Amino acid sequence: MTQTSSTIPGAAVRGTASGVFFMAFFGTLWAYTGIMGLQGWGAPLLLVTAVAIGIVLFIGGVSLIRASGELTNQVSKTALRHGKRTRFWFNIIFAAEGLAIAITIAISNATHHPELIPVIIAIIVGVHFLPLARLFQVRLYYFTGTLLCLLAIITWLFVPAKVTLGEHQINAFMSVVGFGSALILWGTGLAIWLMGRRLLGIVPK
């Protein structure tokens, strides 16, 4: 039987659970982008697999929240102020990301280059992880953001926008960036889940 430490604030564990939820949802969304890029090839099996991975991560997040119920909920005034400030800046960063994505879609469509949308969005998402790394004091996010940016740039420079396999045409930008980003975010979600487990004392540090 595992034991959790009551000295760890429940809010800290719930924070890691929130990170797992975000990575599960957006990782699955990116996987769906990759599936759309395949233009119907292998869609049913890949879609079921992507949703299953997302659900497993989501369940992992729920397990952290349930375990956090056994921990203390006492938070100092300083921690409360810090939490409010963190949420404020998170909302600012998230809103800026959304605005940048909307502008990207509008400009790409207006200039008749919609194939660039997934590549540029991946760069935007990658960049948004960099301030989040400092905001949440999670160095892993630097790695996540860098990987997303590198994936998008390498795809842009070295992968053709479309690939034909036999008589089947694939939107390579969507597929490579979509599946690659999904793996990066799912991997990040798994790492965050393990962080939460370490806070609970379930796995060794």
C-alpha atoms as a PDB file:
ATOM      1  CA  MET A   1       0.000   0.000   0.000  1.00  0.00           C
ATOM      2  CA  THR A   2       1.272   3.464  -0.878  1.00  0.00           C
ATOM      3  CA  GLN A   3       1.243   6.376   1.513  1.00  0.00           C
ATOM      4  CA  THR A   4       0.956  10.061   0.642  1.00  0.00           C
ATOM      5  CA  SER A   5       2.553  12.876   2.576  1.00  0.00           C
ATOM      6  CA  SER A   6       0.102  15.264   4.205  1.00  0.00           C
ATOM      7  CA  THR A   7       2.749  17.998   4.029  1.00  0.00           C
ATOM      8  CA  ILE A   8       2.269  18.317   0.268  1.00  0.00           C
ATOM      9  CA  PRO A   9      -0.502  20.843  -0.520  1.00  0.00           C
ATOM     10  CA  GLY A  10      -3.387  19.309  -2.401  1.00  0.00           C
ATOM     11  CA  ALA A  11      -3.348  22.309  -4.753  1.00  0.00           C
ATOM     12  CA  ALA A  12       0.118  21.314  -5.986  1.00  0.00           C
ATOM     13  CA  VAL A  13      -1.066  17.858  -6.992  1.00  0.00           C
ATOM     14  CA  ARG A  14      -4.251  19.248  -8.556  1.00  0.00           C
ATOM     15  CA  GLY A  15      -2.060  21.626 -10.552  1.00  0.00           C
ATOM     16  CA  THR A  16      -0.174  18.705 -12.059  1.00  0.00           C
ATOM     17  CA  ALA A  17      -3.516  17.013 -12.789  1.00  0.00           C
ATOM     18  CA  SER A  18      -4.606  20.103 -14.734  1.00  0.00           C
ATOM     19  CA  GLY A  19      -1.428  19.853 -16.782  1.00  0.00           C
ATOM     20  CA  VAL A  20      -2.190  16.211 -17.566  1.00  0.00           C
ATOM     21  CA  PHE A  21      -5.719  17.148 -18.692  1.00  0.00           C
ATOM     22  CA  PHE A  22      -4.404  19.868 -21.001  1.00  0.00           C
ATOM     23  CA  MET A  23      -1.826  17.546 -22.573  1.00  0.00           C
ATOM     24  CA  ALA A  24      -4.379  14.755 -22.985  1.00  0.00           C
ATOM     25  CA  PHE A  25      -6.897  17.021 -24.725  1.00  0.00           C
ATOM     26  CA  PHE A  26      -4.563  18.982 -26.980  1.00  0.00           C
ATOM     27  CA  GLY A  27      -2.421  15.938 -27.740  1.00  0.00           C
ATOM     28  CA  THR A  28      -5.515  14.121 -28.983  1.00  0.00           C
ATOM     29  CA  LEU A  29      -6.546  17.226 -30.942  1.00  0.00           C
ATOM     30  CA  TRP A  30      -3.163  17.283 -32.682  1.00  0.00           C
ATOM     31  CA  ALA A  31      -3.455  13.560 -33.409  1.00  0.00           C
ATOM     32  CA  TYR A  32      -6.817  14.276 -35.072  1.00  0.00           C
ATOM     33  CA  THR A  33      -5.060  16.916 -37.191  1.00  0.00           C
ATOM     34  CA  GLY A  34      -2.564  14.274 -38.268  1.00  0.00           C
ATOM     35  CA  ILE A  35      -5.383  11.866 -39.108  1.00  0.00           C
ATOM     36  CA  MET A  36      -7.122  14.507 -41.242  1.00  0.00           C
ATOM     37  CA  GLY A  37      -3.861  14.984 -43.126  1.00  0.00           C
ATOM     38  CA  LEU A  38      -3.947  11.325 -44.149  1.00  0.00           C
ATOM     39  CA  GLN A  39      -7.136  12.085 -46.098  1.00  0.00           C
ATOM     40  CA  GLY A  40      -9.002   9.024 -44.838  1.00  0.00           C
ATOM     41  CA  TRP A  41      -6.129   6.526 -44.890  1.00  0.00           C
ATOM     42  CA  GLY A  42      -6.191   4.390 -41.732  1.00  0.00           C
ATOM     43  CA  ALA A  43      -8.581   6.848 -40.075  1.00  0.00           C
ATOM     44  CA  PRO A  44     -10.817   4.561 -37.967  1.00  0.00           C
ATOM     45  CA  LEU A  45      -8.018   2.659 -36.226  1.00  0.00           C
ATOM     46  CA  LEU A  46      -5.842   5.732 -35.706  1.00  0.00           C
ATOM     47  CA  LEU A  47      -8.751   7.748 -34.359  1.00  0.00           C
ATOM     48  CA  VAL A  48      -9.666   5.048 -31.846  1.00  0.00           C
ATOM     49  CA  THR A  49      -6.021   4.763 -30.792  1.00  0.00           C
ATOM     50  CA  ALA A  50      -5.670   8.540 -30.330  1.00  0.00           C
ATOM     51  CA  VAL A  51      -8.860   8.801 -28.284  1.00  0.00           C
ATOM     52  CA  ALA A  52      -7.804   5.806 -26.171  1.00  0.00           C
ATOM     53  CA  ILE A  53      -4.454   7.430 -25.348  1.00  0.00           C
ATOM     54  CA  GLY A  54      -6.218  10.665 -24.449  1.00  0.00           C
ATOM     55  CA  ILE A  55      -8.644   8.821 -22.173  1.00  0.00           C
ATOM     56  CA  VAL A  56      -5.837   6.944 -20.408  1.00  0.00           C
ATOM     57  CA  LEU A  57      -4.040  10.224 -19.678  1.00  0.00           C
ATOM     58  CA  PHE A  58      -7.305  11.815 -18.541  1.00  0.00           C
ATOM     59  CA  ILE A  59      -7.882   8.929 -16.131  1.00  0.00           C
ATOM     60  CA  GLY A  60      -4.355   9.446 -14.835  1.00  0.00           C
ATOM     61  CA  GLY A  61      -5.198  13.086 -14.110  1.00  0.00           C
ATOM     62  CA  VAL A  62      -8.381  12.081 -12.313  1.00  0.00           C
ATOM     63  CA  SER A  63      -6.393   9.655 -10.150  1.00  0.00           C
ATOM     64  CA  LEU A  64      -4.156  12.539  -9.051  1.00  0.00           C
ATOM     65  CA  ILE A  65      -7.152  14.673  -8.092  1.00  0.00           C
ATOM     66  CA  ARG A  66      -8.691  11.835  -6.103  1.00  0.00           C
ATOM     67  CA  ALA A  67      -5.413  11.226  -4.271  1.00  0.00           C
ATOM     68  CA  SER A  68      -5.064  14.958  -3.534  1.00  0.00           C
ATOM     69  CA  GLY A  69      -8.213  14.748  -1.403  1.00  0.00           C
ATOM     70  CA  GLU A  70      -6.107  13.134   1.323  1.00  0.00           C
ATOM     71  CA  LEU A  71      -3.697  16.077   1.445  1.00  0.00           C
ATOM     72  CA  THR A  72      -3.865  19.359   3.271  1.00  0.00           C
ATOM     73  CA  ASN A  73      -5.798  22.212   1.683  1.00  0.00           C
ATOM     74  CA  GLN A  74      -4.260  24.886   3.892  1.00  0.00           C
ATOM     75  CA  VAL A  75      -2.565  27.546   1.793  1.00  0.00           C
ATOM     76  CA  SER A  76      -0.719  30.620   3.042  1.00  0.00           C
ATOM     77  CA  LYS A  77      -1.749  34.125   2.000  1.00  0.00           C
ATOM     78  CA  THR A  78       1.473  34.434   0.033  1.00  0.00           C
ATOM     79  CA  ALA A  79       0.678  31.236  -1.857  1.00  0.00           C
ATOM     80  CA  LEU A  80      -2.856  32.493  -2.557  1.00  0.00           C
ATOM     81  CA  ARG A  81      -1.522  35.748  -4.016  1.00  0.00           C
ATOM     82  CA  HIS A  82       0.998  33.808  -6.067  1.00  0.00           C
ATOM     83  CA  GLY A  83      -1.770  31.531  -7.333  1.00  0.00           C
ATOM     84  CA  LYS A  84      -3.921  34.474  -8.422  1.00  0.00           C
ATOM     85  CA  ARG A  85      -0.973  36.094 -10.195  1.00  0.00           C
ATOM     86  CA  THR A  86      -0.123  32.802 -11.910  1.00  0.00           C
ATOM     87  CA  ARG A  87      -3.711  32.342 -13.144  1.00  0.00           C
ATOM     88  CA  PHE A  88      -3.773  35.928 -14.408  1.00  0.00           C
ATOM     89  CA  TRP A  89      -0.637  35.524 -16.499  1.00  0.00           C
ATOM     90  CA  PHE A  90      -1.706  32.073 -17.684  1.00  0.00           C
ATOM     91  CA  ASN A  91      -4.925  33.605 -19.030  1.00  0.00           C
ATOM     92  CA  ILE A  92      -2.917  36.364 -20.738  1.00  0.00           C
ATOM     93  CA  ILE A  93      -0.560  33.853 -22.373  1.00  0.00           C
ATOM     94  CA  PHE A  94      -3.429  31.574 -23.392  1.00  0.00           C
ATOM     95  CA  ALA A  95      -5.374  34.500 -24.897  1.00  0.00           C
ATOM     96  CA  ALA A  96      -2.293  35.702 -26.795  1.00  0.00           C
ATOM     97  CA  GLU A  97      -1.809  32.203 -28.172  1.00  0.00           C
ATOM     98  CA  GLY A  98      -5.423  32.050 -29.313  1.00  0.00           C
ATOM     99  CA  LEU A  99      -5.194  35.479 -30.957  1.00  0.00           C
ATOM    100  CA  ALA A 100      -1.958  34.520 -32.749  1.00  0.00           C
ATOM    101  CA  ILE A 101      -3.571  31.325 -34.040  1.00  0.00           C
ATOM    102  CA  ALA A 102      -6.629  33.221 -35.304  1.00  0.00           C
ATOM    103  CA  ILE A 103      -4.411  35.753 -37.103  1.00  0.00           C
ATOM    104  CA  THR A 104      -2.339  32.919 -38.601  1.00  0.00           C
ATOM    105  CA  ILE A 105      -5.418  31.200 -40.007  1.00  0.00           C
ATOM    106  CA  ALA A 106      -6.790  34.451 -41.447  1.00  0.00           C
ATOM    107  CA  ILE A 107      -3.502  35.475 -43.103  1.00  0.00           C
ATOM    108  CA  SER A 108      -2.744  31.965 -44.422  1.00  0.00           C
ATOM    109  CA  ASN A 109      -6.177  31.717 -46.027  1.00  0.00           C
ATOM    110  CA  ALA A 110      -6.000  35.275 -47.390  1.00  0.00           C
ATOM    111  CA  THR A 111      -2.611  34.582 -49.015  1.00  0.00           C
ATOM    112  CA  HIS A 112      -3.789  31.188 -50.322  1.00  0.00           C
ATOM    113  CA  HIS A 113      -1.341  29.178 -48.242  1.00  0.00           C
ATOM    114  CA  PRO A 114      -3.600  27.133 -45.933  1.00  0.00           C
ATOM    115  CA  GLU A 115      -1.038  24.307 -45.960  1.00  0.00           C
ATOM    116  CA  LEU A 116       1.132  26.421 -43.649  1.00  0.00           C
ATOM    117  CA  ILE A 117      -1.520  26.664 -40.931  1.00  0.00           C
ATOM    118  CA  PRO A 118      -0.560  23.533 -38.917  1.00  0.00           C
ATOM    119  CA  VAL A 119       3.158  24.354 -39.161  1.00  0.00           C
ATOM    120  CA  ILE A 120       2.815  27.928 -37.928  1.00  0.00           C
ATOM    121  CA  ILE A 121       0.309  26.954 -35.221  1.00  0.00           C
ATOM    122  CA  ALA A 122       2.769  24.342 -33.928  1.00  0.00           C
ATOM    123  CA  ILE A 123       5.419  27.076 -33.665  1.00  0.00           C
ATOM    124  CA  ILE A 124       2.974  29.337 -31.808  1.00  0.00           C
ATOM    125  CA  VAL A 125       2.077  26.530 -29.407  1.00  0.00           C
ATOM    126  CA  GLY A 126       5.740  25.729 -28.897  1.00  0.00           C
ATOM    127  CA  VAL A 127       6.622  29.357 -28.154  1.00  0.00           C
ATOM    128  CA  HIS A 128       3.736  29.660 -25.674  1.00  0.00           C
ATOM    129  CA  PHE A 129       5.280  26.875 -23.575  1.00  0.00           C
ATOM    130  CA  LEU A 130       8.399  28.963 -22.924  1.00  0.00           C
ATOM    131  CA  PRO A 131       6.779  31.604 -20.678  1.00  0.00           C
ATOM    132  CA  LEU A 132       4.659  28.859 -19.104  1.00  0.00           C
ATOM    133  CA  ALA A 133       7.846  27.055 -18.066  1.00  0.00           C
ATOM    134  CA  ARG A 134       8.910  30.061 -16.019  1.00  0.00           C
ATOM    135  CA  LEU A 135       5.403  30.848 -14.819  1.00  0.00           C
ATOM    136  CA  PHE A 136       4.779  27.362 -13.412  1.00  0.00           C
ATOM    137  CA  GLN A 137       8.439  26.619 -12.615  1.00  0.00           C
ATOM    138  CA  VAL A 138       8.284  23.494 -14.794  1.00  0.00           C
ATOM    139  CA  ARG A 139      11.535  23.169 -16.740  1.00  0.00           C
ATOM    140  CA  LEU A 140      10.027  20.335 -18.771  1.00  0.00           C
ATOM    141  CA  TYR A 141       7.966  22.930 -20.662  1.00  0.00           C
ATOM    142  CA  TYR A 142      11.156  24.441 -22.115  1.00  0.00           C
ATOM    143  CA  PHE A 143      11.886  21.036 -23.619  1.00  0.00           C
ATOM    144  CA  THR A 144       8.296  20.635 -24.850  1.00  0.00           C
ATOM    145  CA  GLY A 145       8.217  24.078 -26.455  1.00  0.00           C
ATOM    146  CA  THR A 146      11.592  23.622 -28.121  1.00  0.00           C
ATOM    147  CA  LEU A 147      10.623  20.232 -29.545  1.00  0.00           C
ATOM    148  CA  LEU A 148       7.373  21.600 -30.987  1.00  0.00           C
ATOM    149  CA  CYS A 149       9.180  24.499 -32.655  1.00  0.00           C
ATOM    150  CA  LEU A 150      11.910  22.237 -34.055  1.00  0.00           C
ATOM    151  CA  LEU A 151       9.321  19.768 -35.355  1.00  0.00           C
ATOM    152  CA  ALA A 152       7.446  22.524 -37.180  1.00  0.00           C
ATOM    153  CA  ILE A 153      10.577  24.181 -38.629  1.00  0.00           C
ATOM    154  CA  ILE A 154      12.120  20.889 -39.800  1.00  0.00           C
ATOM    155  CA  THR A 155       8.811  19.870 -41.367  1.00  0.00           C
ATOM    156  CA  TRP A 156       8.523  23.252 -43.111  1.00  0.00           C
ATOM    157  CA  LEU A 157      12.067  23.069 -44.494  1.00  0.00           C
ATOM    158  CA  PHE A 158      12.449  19.403 -45.405  1.00  0.00           C
ATOM    159  CA  VAL A 159       9.007  17.823 -45.829  1.00  0.00           C
ATOM    160  CA  PRO A 160       6.911  18.416 -48.960  1.00  0.00           C
ATOM    161  CA  ALA A 161       3.477  19.895 -48.326  1.00  0.00           C
ATOM    162  CA  LYS A 162       1.801  16.943 -50.021  1.00  0.00           C
ATOM    163  CA  VAL A 163       2.924  13.376 -50.659  1.00  0.00           C
ATOM    164  CA  THR A 164       1.369  10.873 -53.054  1.00  0.00           C
ATOM    165  CA  LEU A 165       1.431   7.193 -52.124  1.00  0.00           C
ATOM    166  CA  GLY A 166       0.158   5.269 -55.098  1.00  0.00           C
ATOM    167  CA  GLU A 167      -3.147   6.939 -55.879  1.00  0.00           C
ATOM    168  CA  HIS A 168      -3.552   8.333 -52.383  1.00  0.00           C
ATOM    169  CA  GLN A 169      -2.520  11.904 -51.627  1.00  0.00           C
ATOM    170  CA  ILE A 170      -1.485  12.864 -48.104  1.00  0.00           C
ATOM    171  CA  ASN A 171      -1.239  16.341 -46.620  1.00  0.00           C
ATOM    172  CA  ALA A 172       2.232  15.767 -45.200  1.00  0.00           C
ATOM    173  CA  PHE A 173       2.409  19.033 -43.256  1.00  0.00           C
ATOM    174  CA  MET A 174      -0.755  18.165 -41.338  1.00  0.00           C
ATOM    175  CA  SER A 175       0.214  14.552 -40.741  1.00  0.00           C
ATOM    176  CA  VAL A 176       3.839  15.041 -39.694  1.00  0.00           C
ATOM    177  CA  VAL A 177       3.173  18.071 -37.491  1.00  0.00           C
ATOM    178  CA  GLY A 178      -0.075  16.612 -36.170  1.00  0.00           C
ATOM    179  CA  PHE A 179       1.239  13.224 -35.110  1.00  0.00           C
ATOM    180  CA  GLY A 180       4.586  14.642 -33.999  1.00  0.00           C
ATOM    181  CA  SER A 181       2.946  17.285 -31.808  1.00  0.00           C
ATOM    182  CA  ALA A 182       0.576  14.681 -30.371  1.00  0.00           C
ATOM    183  CA  LEU A 183       3.477  12.471 -29.303  1.00  0.00           C
ATOM    184  CA  ILE A 184       5.308  15.432 -27.749  1.00  0.00           C
ATOM    185  CA  LEU A 185       2.249  16.562 -25.774  1.00  0.00           C
ATOM    186  CA  TRP A 186       1.276  13.049 -24.713  1.00  0.00           C
ATOM    187  CA  GLY A 187       4.853  12.444 -23.578  1.00  0.00           C
ATOM    188  CA  THR A 188       4.747  15.701 -21.637  1.00  0.00           C
ATOM    189  CA  GLY A 189       1.436  14.643 -20.070  1.00  0.00           C
ATOM    190  CA  LEU A 190       2.946  11.347 -18.976  1.00  0.00           C
ATOM    191  CA  ALA A 191       5.943  13.147 -17.463  1.00  0.00           C
ATOM    192  CA  ILE A 192       3.657  15.561 -15.586  1.00  0.00           C
ATOM    193  CA  TRP A 193       1.594  12.639 -14.293  1.00  0.00           C
ATOM    194  CA  LEU A 194       4.788  11.063 -12.953  1.00  0.00           C
ATOM    195  CA  MET A 195       5.635  14.383 -11.278  1.00  0.00           C
ATOM    196  CA  GLY A 196       2.281  14.271  -9.537  1.00  0.00           C
ATOM    197  CA  ARG A 197       2.913  10.707  -8.438  1.00  0.00           C
ATOM    198  CA  ARG A 198       6.262  11.765  -6.992  1.00  0.00           C
ATOM    199  CA  LEU A 199       4.559  14.555  -5.043  1.00  0.00           C
ATOM    200  CA  LEU A 200       2.253  11.909  -3.619  1.00  0.00           C
ATOM    201  CA  GLY A 201       5.215   9.704  -2.752  1.00  0.00           C
ATOM    202  CA  ILE A 202       3.879   6.897  -4.958  1.00  0.00           C
ATOM    203  CA  VAL A 203       6.984   6.654  -7.127  1.00  0.00           C
ATOM    204  CA  PRO A 204      10.585   7.314  -6.021  1.00  0.00           C
ATOM    205  CA  LYS A 205      12.186  10.681  -6.810  1.00  0.00           C
END
